[in-house]
Amino acid sequence: MRLFSSFSGGKESCLALWRATQGGHRVEYLLTMLNTTGARTRGHGLRRELLEAQAEALGMALLMGRASWRGYEAAFKRAMALLKKKGVEGGVFGDLWLEEHREWVERVCSEVGMEALLPLWGKAPEEVLEEFLAEGFFAVIVSLKEGMPKRWLGRALDTSFLEEARALGIDPCGERGEYHTLVLDGPVFRRRLEILEARPMRHRGMFSLETLDFTLRDKDGRLPYNLRP
């Protein structure tokens, strides 16, 4: 099936995309919603340039829409309708267990005449993070909810992070918004994204890593790193 990926730039959307391709589907487009200014992603607040770089690293076409939270659904459906005209038959989403998210995804896809694919649905968060790491993805934490350990900002996801999250009683995948990630490399990436300069900032109860400079590099087997602002 020809698909688009509902793409946030984070770990679940990348793993779901990978799962879909491994299942024989053709993921042809990334769909990302931006804020009304078009400067940042609506969900995670990432700079649009980072998403454009990820799309280039993945070798995929990127479609970006703009929306307020109030107008999000209508804008998302307009973008899906445009993709349907290009022959796209469905979307792949990285939701795990929030039933209201699944109901929304399935409803909006149905209303546009598309199928919804949720390859991670029902998996335990620990299993998802373990699979993400085992498949060779590399991501760093770029935003934290207030109350989360500030030392996590810029940290690479690895097995020690999983153990620490478990010990603190925090959802390992941050499904309640505890943290968000930026994926820099993985098996579906043709090139890797490298952050060259970043600084911490606080905005609306979230601690974020503002990326100031980054580049794309050929994949050379370099070991993952922790990004410290």
N, C-alpha and C. Protein backbone atom coordinates (compact mmCIF):
# COMPACT_ATOMS: atom_id res chain seq x y z
N MET A 1 0.84 -1.19 0.00
CA MET A 1 0.00 0.00 0.00
C MET A 1 0.88 1.25 0.00
N ARG A 2 0.47 2.24 -0.76
CA ARG A 2 1.19 3.51 -0.81
C ARG A 2 0.74 4.37 0.38
N LEU A 3 1.72 4.81 1.18
CA LEU A 3 1.41 5.47 2.44
C LEU A 3 2.11 6.81 2.58
N PHE A 4 1.56 7.63 3.48
CA PHE A 4 2.31 8.75 4.02
C PHE A 4 2.58 8.45 5.48
N SER A 5 3.63 9.06 6.02
CA SER A 5 3.94 8.95 7.44
C SER A 5 3.52 10.23 8.14
N SER A 6 2.70 10.10 9.19
CA SER A 6 2.41 11.25 10.05
C SER A 6 3.66 11.46 10.88
N PHE A 7 4.44 12.46 10.51
CA PHE A 7 5.84 12.54 10.93
C PHE A 7 6.09 13.69 11.89
N SER A 8 6.56 13.35 13.08
CA SER A 8 6.91 14.35 14.09
C SER A 8 8.40 14.61 14.17
N GLY A 9 9.20 13.69 13.60
CA GLY A 9 10.65 13.76 13.75
C GLY A 9 11.16 12.96 14.92
N GLY A 10 10.23 12.40 15.72
CA GLY A 10 10.60 11.65 16.91
C GLY A 10 10.62 10.15 16.72
N LYS A 11 10.88 9.45 17.82
CA LYS A 11 11.16 8.02 17.76
C LYS A 11 9.99 7.17 17.29
N GLU A 12 8.77 7.44 17.79
CA GLU A 12 7.66 6.58 17.40
C GLU A 12 7.32 6.71 15.92
N SER A 13 7.32 7.93 15.40
CA SER A 13 6.98 8.09 13.99
C SER A 13 8.03 7.44 13.10
N CYS A 14 9.30 7.50 13.50
CA CYS A 14 10.35 6.87 12.70
C CYS A 14 10.27 5.35 12.78
N LEU A 15 10.01 4.82 13.96
CA LEU A 15 9.91 3.37 14.10
C LEU A 15 8.68 2.84 13.36
N ALA A 16 7.56 3.56 13.44
CA ALA A 16 6.36 3.14 12.72
C ALA A 16 6.61 3.16 11.21
N LEU A 17 7.30 4.18 10.73
CA LEU A 17 7.66 4.26 9.31
C LEU A 17 8.49 3.05 8.90
N TRP A 18 9.48 2.72 9.72
CA TRP A 18 10.35 1.58 9.45
C TRP A 18 9.55 0.28 9.44
N ARG A 19 8.67 0.11 10.42
CA ARG A 19 7.84 -1.08 10.49
C ARG A 19 6.98 -1.22 9.23
N ALA A 20 6.44 -0.10 8.77
CA ALA A 20 5.59 -0.14 7.57
C ALA A 20 6.39 -0.58 6.35
N THR A 21 7.59 -0.05 6.19
CA THR A 21 8.41 -0.45 5.04
C THR A 21 8.82 -1.91 5.14
N GLN A 22 9.10 -2.38 6.35
CA GLN A 22 9.46 -3.78 6.53
C GLN A 22 8.28 -4.70 6.27
N GLY A 23 7.08 -4.16 6.39
CA GLY A 23 5.87 -4.93 6.12
C GLY A 23 5.47 -4.92 4.65
N GLY A 24 6.30 -4.33 3.81
CA GLY A 24 6.04 -4.34 2.37
C GLY A 24 5.30 -3.13 1.84
N HIS A 25 5.04 -2.15 2.69
CA HIS A 25 4.36 -0.94 2.23
C HIS A 25 5.36 0.07 1.66
N ARG A 26 4.86 0.97 0.85
CA ARG A 26 5.69 2.03 0.27
C ARG A 26 5.34 3.35 0.94
N VAL A 27 6.22 3.82 1.80
CA VAL A 27 6.00 5.12 2.44
C VAL A 27 6.62 6.18 1.53
N GLU A 28 5.78 6.98 0.90
CA GLU A 28 6.24 7.90 -0.13
C GLU A 28 6.33 9.35 0.32
N TYR A 29 5.60 9.70 1.36
CA TYR A 29 5.58 11.09 1.82
C TYR A 29 5.64 11.16 3.34
N LEU A 30 6.24 12.22 3.83
CA LEU A 30 6.17 12.58 5.24
C LEU A 30 5.20 13.75 5.35
N LEU A 31 4.27 13.67 6.29
CA LEU A 31 3.32 14.76 6.51
C LEU A 31 3.54 15.33 7.90
N THR A 32 3.88 16.60 7.96
CA THR A 32 4.15 17.28 9.22
C THR A 32 3.31 18.55 9.30
N MET A 33 2.70 18.76 10.44
CA MET A 33 1.92 19.98 10.66
C MET A 33 2.75 20.99 11.43
N LEU A 34 2.75 22.23 10.93
CA LEU A 34 3.49 23.33 11.55
C LEU A 34 2.52 24.27 12.27
N ASN A 35 3.08 25.15 13.07
CA ASN A 35 2.25 26.19 13.70
C ASN A 35 1.82 27.21 12.65
N THR A 36 1.05 28.18 13.06
CA THR A 36 0.48 29.12 12.09
C THR A 36 1.52 29.99 11.39
N THR A 37 2.68 30.18 12.00
CA THR A 37 3.73 30.96 11.36
C THR A 37 4.55 30.13 10.38
N GLY A 38 4.43 28.81 10.49
CA GLY A 38 5.21 27.93 9.63
C GLY A 38 6.64 27.74 10.08
N ALA A 39 6.98 28.23 11.27
CA ALA A 39 8.37 28.18 11.74
C ALA A 39 8.71 26.91 12.49
N ARG A 40 7.71 26.33 13.18
CA ARG A 40 7.98 25.17 14.03
C ARG A 40 6.87 24.13 13.89
N THR A 41 7.21 22.88 14.24
CA THR A 41 6.21 21.83 14.19
C THR A 41 5.17 22.07 15.27
N ARG A 42 3.94 21.73 14.96
CA ARG A 42 2.84 21.96 15.88
C ARG A 42 2.96 21.09 17.13
N GLY A 43 3.39 19.85 16.99
CA GLY A 43 3.43 18.95 18.13
C GLY A 43 4.62 19.13 19.06
N HIS A 44 5.83 19.10 18.51
CA HIS A 44 7.04 19.09 19.33
C HIS A 44 7.80 20.41 19.34
N GLY A 45 7.38 21.37 18.52
CA GLY A 45 8.04 22.66 18.51
C GLY A 45 9.41 22.68 17.87
N LEU A 46 9.69 21.72 16.98
CA LEU A 46 10.98 21.68 16.29
C LEU A 46 11.00 22.67 15.14
N ARG A 47 12.16 23.24 14.87
CA ARG A 47 12.30 24.13 13.72
C ARG A 47 12.01 23.38 12.43
N ARG A 48 11.32 24.05 11.52
CA ARG A 48 10.96 23.39 10.27
C ARG A 48 12.20 22.93 9.50
N GLU A 49 13.31 23.67 9.66
CA GLU A 49 14.53 23.28 8.96
C GLU A 49 15.03 21.91 9.39
N LEU A 50 14.80 21.54 10.64
CA LEU A 50 15.20 20.22 11.11
C LEU A 50 14.39 19.13 10.42
N LEU A 51 13.09 19.36 10.27
CA LEU A 51 12.25 18.38 9.57
C LEU A 51 12.63 18.28 8.10
N GLU A 52 12.98 19.40 7.50
CA GLU A 52 13.42 19.37 6.11
C GLU A 52 14.72 18.58 5.97
N ALA A 53 15.61 18.74 6.95
CA ALA A 53 16.87 17.98 6.93
C ALA A 53 16.62 16.50 7.14
N GLN A 54 15.70 16.16 8.05
CA GLN A 54 15.36 14.75 8.25
C GLN A 54 14.80 14.15 6.97
N ALA A 55 13.91 14.87 6.30
CA ALA A 55 13.33 14.37 5.06
C ALA A 55 14.41 14.12 4.02
N GLU A 56 15.37 15.03 3.93
CA GLU A 56 16.48 14.84 2.99
C GLU A 56 17.31 13.62 3.39
N ALA A 57 17.56 13.47 4.69
CA ALA A 57 18.33 12.32 5.17
C ALA A 57 17.60 11.01 4.89
N LEU A 58 16.28 11.03 4.94
CA LEU A 58 15.47 9.85 4.67
C LEU A 58 15.27 9.62 3.17
N GLY A 59 15.49 10.65 2.38
CA GLY A 59 15.26 10.55 0.95
C GLY A 59 13.78 10.51 0.61
N MET A 60 12.95 11.24 1.37
CA MET A 60 11.51 11.23 1.17
C MET A 60 10.98 12.64 0.96
N ALA A 61 9.88 12.72 0.24
CA ALA A 61 9.21 14.00 0.03
C ALA A 61 8.50 14.42 1.32
N LEU A 62 8.55 15.71 1.61
CA LEU A 62 7.95 16.24 2.83
C LEU A 62 6.84 17.23 2.47
N LEU A 63 5.65 16.97 3.02
CA LEU A 63 4.53 17.89 2.87
C LEU A 63 4.27 18.51 4.24
N MET A 64 4.27 19.85 4.30
CA MET A 64 4.05 20.54 5.56
C MET A 64 2.81 21.43 5.46
N GLY A 65 1.92 21.26 6.43
CA GLY A 65 0.75 22.12 6.52
C GLY A 65 0.88 23.05 7.70
N ARG A 66 0.06 24.09 7.74
CA ARG A 66 0.05 25.03 8.87
C ARG A 66 -1.32 25.00 9.53
N ALA A 67 -1.32 25.09 10.86
CA ALA A 67 -2.61 25.06 11.55
C ALA A 67 -2.48 25.54 12.99
N SER A 68 -3.55 26.14 13.48
CA SER A 68 -3.70 26.36 14.92
C SER A 68 -4.22 25.05 15.50
N TRP A 69 -4.22 24.93 16.83
CA TRP A 69 -4.80 23.72 17.42
C TRP A 69 -6.28 23.63 17.06
N ARG A 70 -6.97 24.76 17.04
CA ARG A 70 -8.41 24.75 16.72
C ARG A 70 -8.66 24.26 15.29
N GLY A 71 -7.78 24.66 14.38
CA GLY A 71 -7.98 24.29 12.99
C GLY A 71 -7.16 23.10 12.53
N TYR A 72 -6.59 22.36 13.48
CA TYR A 72 -5.66 21.28 13.15
C TYR A 72 -6.32 20.20 12.29
N GLU A 73 -7.46 19.72 12.73
CA GLU A 73 -8.09 18.61 12.02
C GLU A 73 -8.41 18.96 10.57
N ALA A 74 -8.99 20.12 10.36
CA ALA A 74 -9.35 20.52 9.00
C ALA A 74 -8.11 20.64 8.12
N ALA A 75 -7.03 21.21 8.66
CA ALA A 75 -5.80 21.35 7.88
C ALA A 75 -5.17 20.00 7.59
N PHE A 76 -5.22 19.10 8.57
CA PHE A 76 -4.66 17.76 8.37
C PHE A 76 -5.43 17.01 7.28
N LYS A 77 -6.73 17.13 7.30
CA LYS A 77 -7.55 16.45 6.29
C LYS A 77 -7.32 17.05 4.91
N ARG A 78 -7.11 18.35 4.82
CA ARG A 78 -6.80 18.96 3.52
C ARG A 78 -5.50 18.40 2.97
N ALA A 79 -4.51 18.24 3.85
CA ALA A 79 -3.23 17.69 3.41
C ALA A 79 -3.39 16.24 2.96
N MET A 80 -4.17 15.47 3.69
CA MET A 80 -4.41 14.08 3.30
C MET A 80 -5.14 14.00 1.97
N ALA A 81 -6.09 14.88 1.76
CA ALA A 81 -6.83 14.88 0.50
C ALA A 81 -5.89 15.17 -0.67
N LEU A 82 -4.93 16.06 -0.46
CA LEU A 82 -3.95 16.35 -1.49
C LEU A 82 -3.10 15.12 -1.79
N LEU A 83 -2.70 14.40 -0.75
CA LEU A 83 -1.91 13.19 -0.94
C LEU A 83 -2.72 12.10 -1.63
N LYS A 84 -3.99 12.03 -1.31
CA LYS A 84 -4.84 11.02 -1.96
C LYS A 84 -4.89 11.26 -3.47
N LYS A 85 -4.92 12.52 -3.88
CA LYS A 85 -4.93 12.84 -5.30
C LYS A 85 -3.64 12.38 -5.99
N LYS A 86 -2.57 12.24 -5.19
CA LYS A 86 -1.30 11.77 -5.72
C LYS A 86 -1.21 10.24 -5.71
N GLY A 87 -2.27 9.58 -5.27
CA GLY A 87 -2.30 8.13 -5.28
C GLY A 87 -1.98 7.47 -3.95
N VAL A 88 -1.82 8.27 -2.90
CA VAL A 88 -1.54 7.70 -1.58
C VAL A 88 -2.83 7.09 -1.02
N GLU A 89 -2.69 5.88 -0.46
CA GLU A 89 -3.87 5.13 -0.03
C GLU A 89 -4.12 5.14 1.48
N GLY A 90 -3.10 5.51 2.25
CA GLY A 90 -3.27 5.48 3.70
C GLY A 90 -2.13 6.17 4.40
N GLY A 91 -2.24 6.22 5.73
CA GLY A 91 -1.22 6.85 6.55
C GLY A 91 -0.72 5.91 7.62
N VAL A 92 0.54 6.08 8.00
CA VAL A 92 1.12 5.29 9.09
C VAL A 92 1.37 6.22 10.27
N PHE A 93 0.94 5.78 11.45
CA PHE A 93 0.97 6.60 12.65
C PHE A 93 1.69 5.85 13.76
N GLY A 94 2.35 6.60 14.66
CA GLY A 94 3.16 5.99 15.71
C GLY A 94 2.49 5.89 17.07
N ASP A 95 1.17 5.93 17.13
CA ASP A 95 0.47 5.86 18.41
C ASP A 95 0.63 4.49 19.06
N LEU A 96 0.68 4.49 20.40
CA LEU A 96 0.89 3.25 21.16
C LEU A 96 -0.36 2.77 21.88
N TRP A 97 -0.96 3.64 22.70
CA TRP A 97 -2.05 3.15 23.54
C TRP A 97 -3.12 4.17 23.88
N LEU A 98 -2.97 5.42 23.51
CA LEU A 98 -3.98 6.42 23.84
C LEU A 98 -5.18 6.25 22.90
N GLU A 99 -6.27 5.72 23.46
CA GLU A 99 -7.42 5.35 22.65
C GLU A 99 -8.02 6.53 21.89
N GLU A 100 -8.02 7.72 22.52
CA GLU A 100 -8.60 8.87 21.83
C GLU A 100 -7.78 9.25 20.60
N HIS A 101 -6.46 9.01 20.65
CA HIS A 101 -5.63 9.26 19.48
C HIS A 101 -5.97 8.29 18.35
N ARG A 102 -6.11 7.02 18.72
CA ARG A 102 -6.43 6.02 17.70
C ARG A 102 -7.80 6.32 17.06
N GLU A 103 -8.76 6.65 17.88
CA GLU A 103 -10.09 6.95 17.35
C GLU A 103 -10.04 8.14 16.40
N TRP A 104 -9.26 9.16 16.75
CA TRP A 104 -9.14 10.34 15.88
C TRP A 104 -8.48 9.97 14.56
N VAL A 105 -7.37 9.23 14.64
CA VAL A 105 -6.64 8.84 13.44
C VAL A 105 -7.53 8.04 12.50
N GLU A 106 -8.22 7.05 13.04
CA GLU A 106 -9.05 6.19 12.20
C GLU A 106 -10.23 6.97 11.61
N ARG A 107 -10.78 7.90 12.38
CA ARG A 107 -11.91 8.67 11.88
C ARG A 107 -11.50 9.61 10.76
N VAL A 108 -10.43 10.39 10.95
CA VAL A 108 -10.06 11.35 9.91
C VAL A 108 -9.59 10.64 8.65
N CYS A 109 -8.91 9.52 8.80
CA CYS A 109 -8.51 8.75 7.61
C CYS A 109 -9.74 8.24 6.87
N SER A 110 -10.70 7.71 7.61
CA SER A 110 -11.92 7.20 6.99
C SER A 110 -12.68 8.30 6.26
N GLU A 111 -12.74 9.48 6.86
CA GLU A 111 -13.48 10.59 6.25
C GLU A 111 -12.84 11.08 4.96
N VAL A 112 -11.54 10.83 4.81
CA VAL A 112 -10.84 11.23 3.58
C VAL A 112 -10.77 10.06 2.59
N GLY A 113 -11.19 8.88 3.03
CA GLY A 113 -11.14 7.71 2.17
C GLY A 113 -9.80 7.02 2.17
N MET A 114 -9.09 7.09 3.29
CA MET A 114 -7.79 6.44 3.43
C MET A 114 -7.83 5.40 4.55
N GLU A 115 -6.84 4.53 4.54
CA GLU A 115 -6.68 3.56 5.61
C GLU A 115 -5.67 4.09 6.63
N ALA A 116 -5.85 3.69 7.88
CA ALA A 116 -4.92 4.06 8.95
C ALA A 116 -4.14 2.84 9.39
N LEU A 117 -2.83 2.96 9.40
CA LEU A 117 -1.95 1.87 9.82
C LEU A 117 -1.23 2.31 11.09
N LEU A 118 -1.40 1.53 12.17
CA LEU A 118 -0.76 1.83 13.45
C LEU A 118 0.07 0.63 13.88
N PRO A 119 1.26 0.47 13.33
CA PRO A 119 2.05 -0.75 13.56
C PRO A 119 2.56 -0.92 14.98
N LEU A 120 2.56 0.14 15.79
CA LEU A 120 3.05 0.04 17.16
C LEU A 120 1.92 -0.10 18.17
N TRP A 121 0.69 -0.08 17.70
CA TRP A 121 -0.45 -0.04 18.61
C TRP A 121 -0.48 -1.28 19.53
N GLY A 122 -0.67 -1.02 20.82
CA GLY A 122 -0.80 -2.10 21.79
C GLY A 122 0.51 -2.61 22.35
N LYS A 123 1.63 -2.17 21.81
CA LYS A 123 2.91 -2.60 22.34
C LYS A 123 3.24 -1.84 23.62
N ALA A 124 3.87 -2.52 24.56
CA ALA A 124 4.29 -1.87 25.80
C ALA A 124 5.38 -0.84 25.49
N PRO A 125 5.34 0.33 26.14
CA PRO A 125 6.35 1.36 25.87
C PRO A 125 7.78 0.85 26.00
N GLU A 126 8.06 0.01 26.98
CA GLU A 126 9.41 -0.53 27.14
C GLU A 126 9.81 -1.34 25.91
N GLU A 127 8.88 -2.13 25.38
CA GLU A 127 9.17 -2.94 24.20
C GLU A 127 9.44 -2.06 22.99
N VAL A 128 8.69 -0.97 22.88
CA VAL A 128 8.88 -0.06 21.75
C VAL A 128 10.27 0.57 21.80
N LEU A 129 10.67 1.04 22.97
CA LEU A 129 11.99 1.66 23.09
C LEU A 129 13.10 0.63 22.88
N GLU A 130 12.91 -0.58 23.38
CA GLU A 130 13.90 -1.63 23.17
C GLU A 130 14.03 -1.96 21.69
N GLU A 131 12.91 -2.03 20.98
CA GLU A 131 12.95 -2.30 19.55
C GLU A 131 13.62 -1.16 18.80
N PHE A 132 13.28 0.06 19.17
CA PHE A 132 13.88 1.24 18.54
C PHE A 132 15.40 1.18 18.62
N LEU A 133 15.92 0.84 19.79
CA LEU A 133 17.37 0.76 19.97
C LEU A 133 17.96 -0.44 19.25
N ALA A 134 17.27 -1.58 19.33
CA ALA A 134 17.78 -2.80 18.71
C ALA A 134 17.85 -2.68 17.19
N GLU A 135 16.94 -1.90 16.60
CA GLU A 135 16.93 -1.74 15.15
C GLU A 135 18.02 -0.78 14.67
N GLY A 136 18.69 -0.11 15.59
CA GLY A 136 19.80 0.75 15.21
C GLY A 136 19.45 2.22 15.04
N PHE A 137 18.33 2.65 15.58
CA PHE A 137 18.00 4.07 15.54
C PHE A 137 18.80 4.83 16.60
N PHE A 138 19.00 6.11 16.34
CA PHE A 138 19.69 6.97 17.28
C PHE A 138 18.91 8.27 17.41
N ALA A 139 18.56 8.63 18.65
CA ALA A 139 17.79 9.84 18.90
C ALA A 139 18.29 10.52 20.16
N VAL A 140 18.09 11.82 20.23
CA VAL A 140 18.42 12.58 21.43
C VAL A 140 17.16 13.27 21.94
N ILE A 141 17.12 13.51 23.24
CA ILE A 141 15.99 14.19 23.87
C ILE A 141 16.13 15.69 23.63
N VAL A 142 15.08 16.28 23.04
CA VAL A 142 15.15 17.70 22.70
C VAL A 142 14.14 18.55 23.47
N SER A 143 13.25 17.92 24.23
CA SER A 143 12.37 18.70 25.09
C SER A 143 11.92 17.86 26.27
N LEU A 144 11.70 18.53 27.40
CA LEU A 144 11.32 17.88 28.65
C LEU A 144 10.17 18.63 29.29
N LYS A 145 9.23 17.87 29.82
CA LYS A 145 8.17 18.45 30.64
C LYS A 145 8.75 18.90 31.96
N GLU A 146 8.22 19.97 32.51
CA GLU A 146 8.70 20.44 33.81
C GLU A 146 8.52 19.33 34.84
N GLY A 147 9.55 19.12 35.64
CA GLY A 147 9.54 18.05 36.63
C GLY A 147 10.37 16.86 36.23
N MET A 148 10.72 16.76 34.94
CA MET A 148 11.60 15.70 34.48
C MET A 148 13.05 16.07 34.79
N PRO A 149 13.93 15.07 34.93
CA PRO A 149 15.34 15.37 35.22
C PRO A 149 15.97 16.24 34.13
N LYS A 150 16.45 17.40 34.48
CA LYS A 150 17.00 18.32 33.48
C LYS A 150 18.25 17.76 32.81
N ARG A 151 18.92 16.82 33.48
CA ARG A 151 20.12 16.22 32.89
C ARG A 151 19.77 15.40 31.64
N TRP A 152 18.51 15.10 31.44
CA TRP A 152 18.12 14.34 30.26
C TRP A 152 18.16 15.17 28.99
N LEU A 153 18.10 16.48 29.10
CA LEU A 153 18.05 17.32 27.90
C LEU A 153 19.35 17.15 27.10
N GLY A 154 19.21 16.72 25.86
CA GLY A 154 20.37 16.46 25.02
C GLY A 154 20.92 15.06 25.13
N ARG A 155 20.31 14.25 25.98
CA ARG A 155 20.82 12.89 26.19
C ARG A 155 20.38 11.96 25.06
N ALA A 156 21.26 11.06 24.68
CA ALA A 156 20.91 10.04 23.70
C ALA A 156 20.09 8.94 24.36
N LEU A 157 19.11 8.42 23.63
CA LEU A 157 18.36 7.27 24.12
C LEU A 157 19.24 6.03 24.04
N ASP A 158 19.31 5.30 25.14
CA ASP A 158 20.07 4.05 25.17
C ASP A 158 19.49 3.18 26.28
N THR A 159 20.10 2.01 26.49
CA THR A 159 19.56 1.08 27.49
C THR A 159 19.65 1.65 28.90
N SER A 160 20.66 2.45 29.18
CA SER A 160 20.76 3.03 30.52
C SER A 160 19.64 4.05 30.76
N PHE A 161 19.23 4.75 29.71
CA PHE A 161 18.09 5.67 29.85
C PHE A 161 16.83 4.88 30.17
N LEU A 162 16.63 3.77 29.49
CA LEU A 162 15.46 2.93 29.75
C LEU A 162 15.44 2.48 31.20
N GLU A 163 16.58 2.07 31.71
CA GLU A 163 16.66 1.62 33.10
C GLU A 163 16.36 2.76 34.06
N GLU A 164 16.86 3.96 33.75
CA GLU A 164 16.63 5.10 34.63
C GLU A 164 15.16 5.52 34.62
N ALA A 165 14.54 5.53 33.45
CA ALA A 165 13.12 5.88 33.36
C ALA A 165 12.28 4.87 34.13
N ARG A 166 12.62 3.61 34.01
CA ARG A 166 11.90 2.57 34.74
C ARG A 166 12.03 2.77 36.24
N ALA A 167 13.23 3.09 36.70
CA ALA A 167 13.47 3.28 38.13
C ALA A 167 12.70 4.48 38.68
N LEU A 168 12.51 5.51 37.84
CA LEU A 168 11.81 6.72 38.26
C LEU A 168 10.29 6.62 38.08
N GLY A 169 9.84 5.51 37.50
CA GLY A 169 8.41 5.33 37.27
C GLY A 169 7.86 6.20 36.15
N ILE A 170 8.71 6.55 35.19
CA ILE A 170 8.32 7.40 34.07
C ILE A 170 8.08 6.53 32.84
N ASP A 171 7.03 6.82 32.09
CA ASP A 171 6.76 6.10 30.86
C ASP A 171 8.01 6.15 29.98
N PRO A 172 8.59 5.00 29.63
CA PRO A 172 9.85 4.99 28.87
C PRO A 172 9.76 5.70 27.52
N CYS A 173 8.56 5.76 26.94
CA CYS A 173 8.40 6.43 25.66
C CYS A 173 7.88 7.86 25.80
N GLY A 174 7.62 8.29 27.03
CA GLY A 174 7.14 9.65 27.24
C GLY A 174 5.78 9.91 26.62
N GLU A 175 4.90 8.90 26.65
CA GLU A 175 3.60 9.03 26.00
C GLU A 175 2.68 10.05 26.67
N ARG A 176 3.00 10.45 27.87
CA ARG A 176 2.22 11.50 28.54
C ARG A 176 2.89 12.87 28.37
N GLY A 177 3.78 12.97 27.41
CA GLY A 177 4.44 14.24 27.13
C GLY A 177 5.64 14.53 28.01
N GLU A 178 6.15 13.49 28.71
CA GLU A 178 7.29 13.70 29.60
C GLU A 178 8.52 14.21 28.84
N TYR A 179 8.71 13.72 27.63
CA TYR A 179 9.86 14.17 26.83
C TYR A 179 9.57 13.91 25.36
N HIS A 180 10.31 14.61 24.51
CA HIS A 180 10.23 14.40 23.07
C HIS A 180 11.64 14.23 22.51
N THR A 181 11.72 13.55 21.39
CA THR A 181 13.03 13.24 20.81
C THR A 181 13.15 13.75 19.37
N LEU A 182 14.38 13.81 18.93
CA LEU A 182 14.71 14.07 17.53
C LEU A 182 15.56 12.90 17.06
N VAL A 183 15.11 12.21 16.02
CA VAL A 183 15.86 11.07 15.49
C VAL A 183 16.89 11.57 14.49
N LEU A 184 18.13 11.16 14.70
CA LEU A 184 19.23 11.64 13.86
C LEU A 184 19.74 10.59 12.88
N ASP A 185 19.45 9.32 13.17
CA ASP A 185 19.96 8.25 12.31
C ASP A 185 19.15 6.99 12.57
N GLY A 186 19.26 6.05 11.64
CA GLY A 186 18.55 4.79 11.79
C GLY A 186 18.56 4.01 10.50
N PRO A 187 18.00 2.80 10.50
CA PRO A 187 18.08 1.93 9.33
C PRO A 187 17.35 2.46 8.10
N VAL A 188 16.39 3.33 8.30
CA VAL A 188 15.64 3.88 7.17
C VAL A 188 16.28 5.17 6.65
N PHE A 189 17.29 5.68 7.35
CA PHE A 189 17.97 6.91 6.95
C PHE A 189 19.06 6.61 5.91
N ARG A 190 19.15 7.44 4.89
CA ARG A 190 20.22 7.31 3.89
C ARG A 190 21.46 8.09 4.32
N ARG A 191 21.24 9.18 5.06
CA ARG A 191 22.33 9.96 5.64
C ARG A 191 21.98 10.20 7.10
N ARG A 192 22.93 10.72 7.86
CA ARG A 192 22.65 10.99 9.27
C ARG A 192 22.67 12.49 9.51
N LEU A 193 21.88 12.90 10.48
CA LEU A 193 21.81 14.30 10.88
C LEU A 193 22.70 14.51 12.09
N GLU A 194 23.52 15.53 12.06
CA GLU A 194 24.41 15.82 13.18
C GLU A 194 24.17 17.24 13.69
N ILE A 195 23.92 17.35 15.00
CA ILE A 195 23.73 18.66 15.62
C ILE A 195 25.10 19.23 15.97
N LEU A 196 25.37 20.44 15.51
CA LEU A 196 26.67 21.07 15.74
C LEU A 196 26.64 22.05 16.91
N GLU A 197 25.51 22.70 17.11
CA GLU A 197 25.41 23.68 18.20
C GLU A 197 23.96 23.76 18.67
N ALA A 198 23.79 23.82 20.00
CA ALA A 198 22.45 23.91 20.57
C ALA A 198 22.52 24.60 21.92
N ARG A 199 21.39 25.13 22.35
CA ARG A 199 21.34 25.77 23.67
C ARG A 199 20.01 25.45 24.34
N PRO A 200 19.98 25.37 25.67
CA PRO A 200 18.73 25.08 26.37
C PRO A 200 17.87 26.33 26.46
N MET A 201 16.56 26.14 26.46
CA MET A 201 15.63 27.25 26.64
C MET A 201 14.38 26.72 27.33
N ARG A 202 13.63 27.62 27.93
CA ARG A 202 12.39 27.25 28.62
C ARG A 202 11.23 27.99 27.99
N HIS A 203 10.15 27.25 27.72
CA HIS A 203 8.99 27.88 27.07
C HIS A 203 7.74 27.12 27.45
N ARG A 204 6.79 27.80 28.07
CA ARG A 204 5.48 27.25 28.40
C ARG A 204 5.57 25.92 29.15
N GLY A 205 6.38 25.90 30.18
CA GLY A 205 6.47 24.72 31.02
C GLY A 205 7.30 23.59 30.46
N MET A 206 7.99 23.82 29.35
CA MET A 206 8.85 22.80 28.75
C MET A 206 10.28 23.33 28.69
N PHE A 207 11.22 22.44 28.93
CA PHE A 207 12.63 22.75 28.72
C PHE A 207 13.03 22.15 27.38
N SER A 208 13.54 22.97 26.49
CA SER A 208 13.83 22.53 25.14
C SER A 208 15.28 22.78 24.77
N LEU A 209 15.72 22.04 23.78
CA LEU A 209 17.05 22.22 23.22
C LEU A 209 16.89 22.92 21.89
N GLU A 210 17.26 24.18 21.84
CA GLU A 210 17.14 24.97 20.62
C GLU A 210 18.35 24.69 19.73
N THR A 211 18.10 24.08 18.59
CA THR A 211 19.17 23.72 17.68
C THR A 211 19.58 24.94 16.86
N LEU A 212 20.83 25.33 16.99
CA LEU A 212 21.34 26.52 16.31
C LEU A 212 22.04 26.19 15.00
N ASP A 213 22.67 25.02 14.94
CA ASP A 213 23.41 24.65 13.74
C ASP A 213 23.43 23.14 13.62
N PHE A 214 23.30 22.65 12.40
CA PHE A 214 23.30 21.21 12.16
C PHE A 214 23.73 20.96 10.73
N THR A 215 24.03 19.70 10.42
CA THR A 215 24.45 19.35 9.08
C THR A 215 24.08 17.90 8.80
N LEU A 216 24.08 17.54 7.54
CA LEU A 216 23.90 16.15 7.13
C LEU A 216 25.26 15.57 6.77
N ARG A 217 25.48 14.34 7.17
CA ARG A 217 26.74 13.67 6.86
C ARG A 217 26.47 12.28 6.31
N ASP A 218 27.42 11.78 5.54
CA ASP A 218 27.32 10.40 5.08
C ASP A 218 27.42 9.47 6.27
N LYS A 219 26.74 8.34 6.18
CA LYS A 219 26.76 7.39 7.28
C LYS A 219 28.11 6.67 7.29
N ASP A 220 28.81 6.78 8.43
CA ASP A 220 30.17 6.25 8.50
C ASP A 220 30.39 5.34 9.69
N GLY A 221 29.31 4.93 10.34
CA GLY A 221 29.46 4.01 11.46
C GLY A 221 29.91 4.64 12.76
N ARG A 222 29.88 5.97 12.84
CA ARG A 222 30.27 6.62 14.09
C ARG A 222 29.34 6.22 15.22
N LEU A 223 29.90 6.13 16.42
CA LEU A 223 29.10 5.78 17.58
C LEU A 223 28.19 6.93 17.96
N PRO A 224 27.01 6.63 18.57
CA PRO A 224 26.13 7.68 19.05
C PRO A 224 26.80 8.54 20.11
N TYR A 225 26.26 9.71 20.32
CA TYR A 225 26.83 10.65 21.28
C TYR A 225 25.70 11.28 22.08
N ASN A 226 26.05 11.80 23.23
CA ASN A 226 25.12 12.61 24.00
C ASN A 226 25.35 14.06 23.61
N LEU A 227 24.28 14.76 23.31
CA LEU A 227 24.36 16.15 22.89
C LEU A 227 24.19 17.03 24.10
N ARG A 228 25.23 17.71 24.51
CA ARG A 228 25.16 18.58 25.68
C ARG A 228 25.26 20.03 25.25
N PRO A 229 24.24 20.85 25.59
CA PRO A 229 24.27 22.25 25.18
C PRO A 229 25.36 23.02 25.91
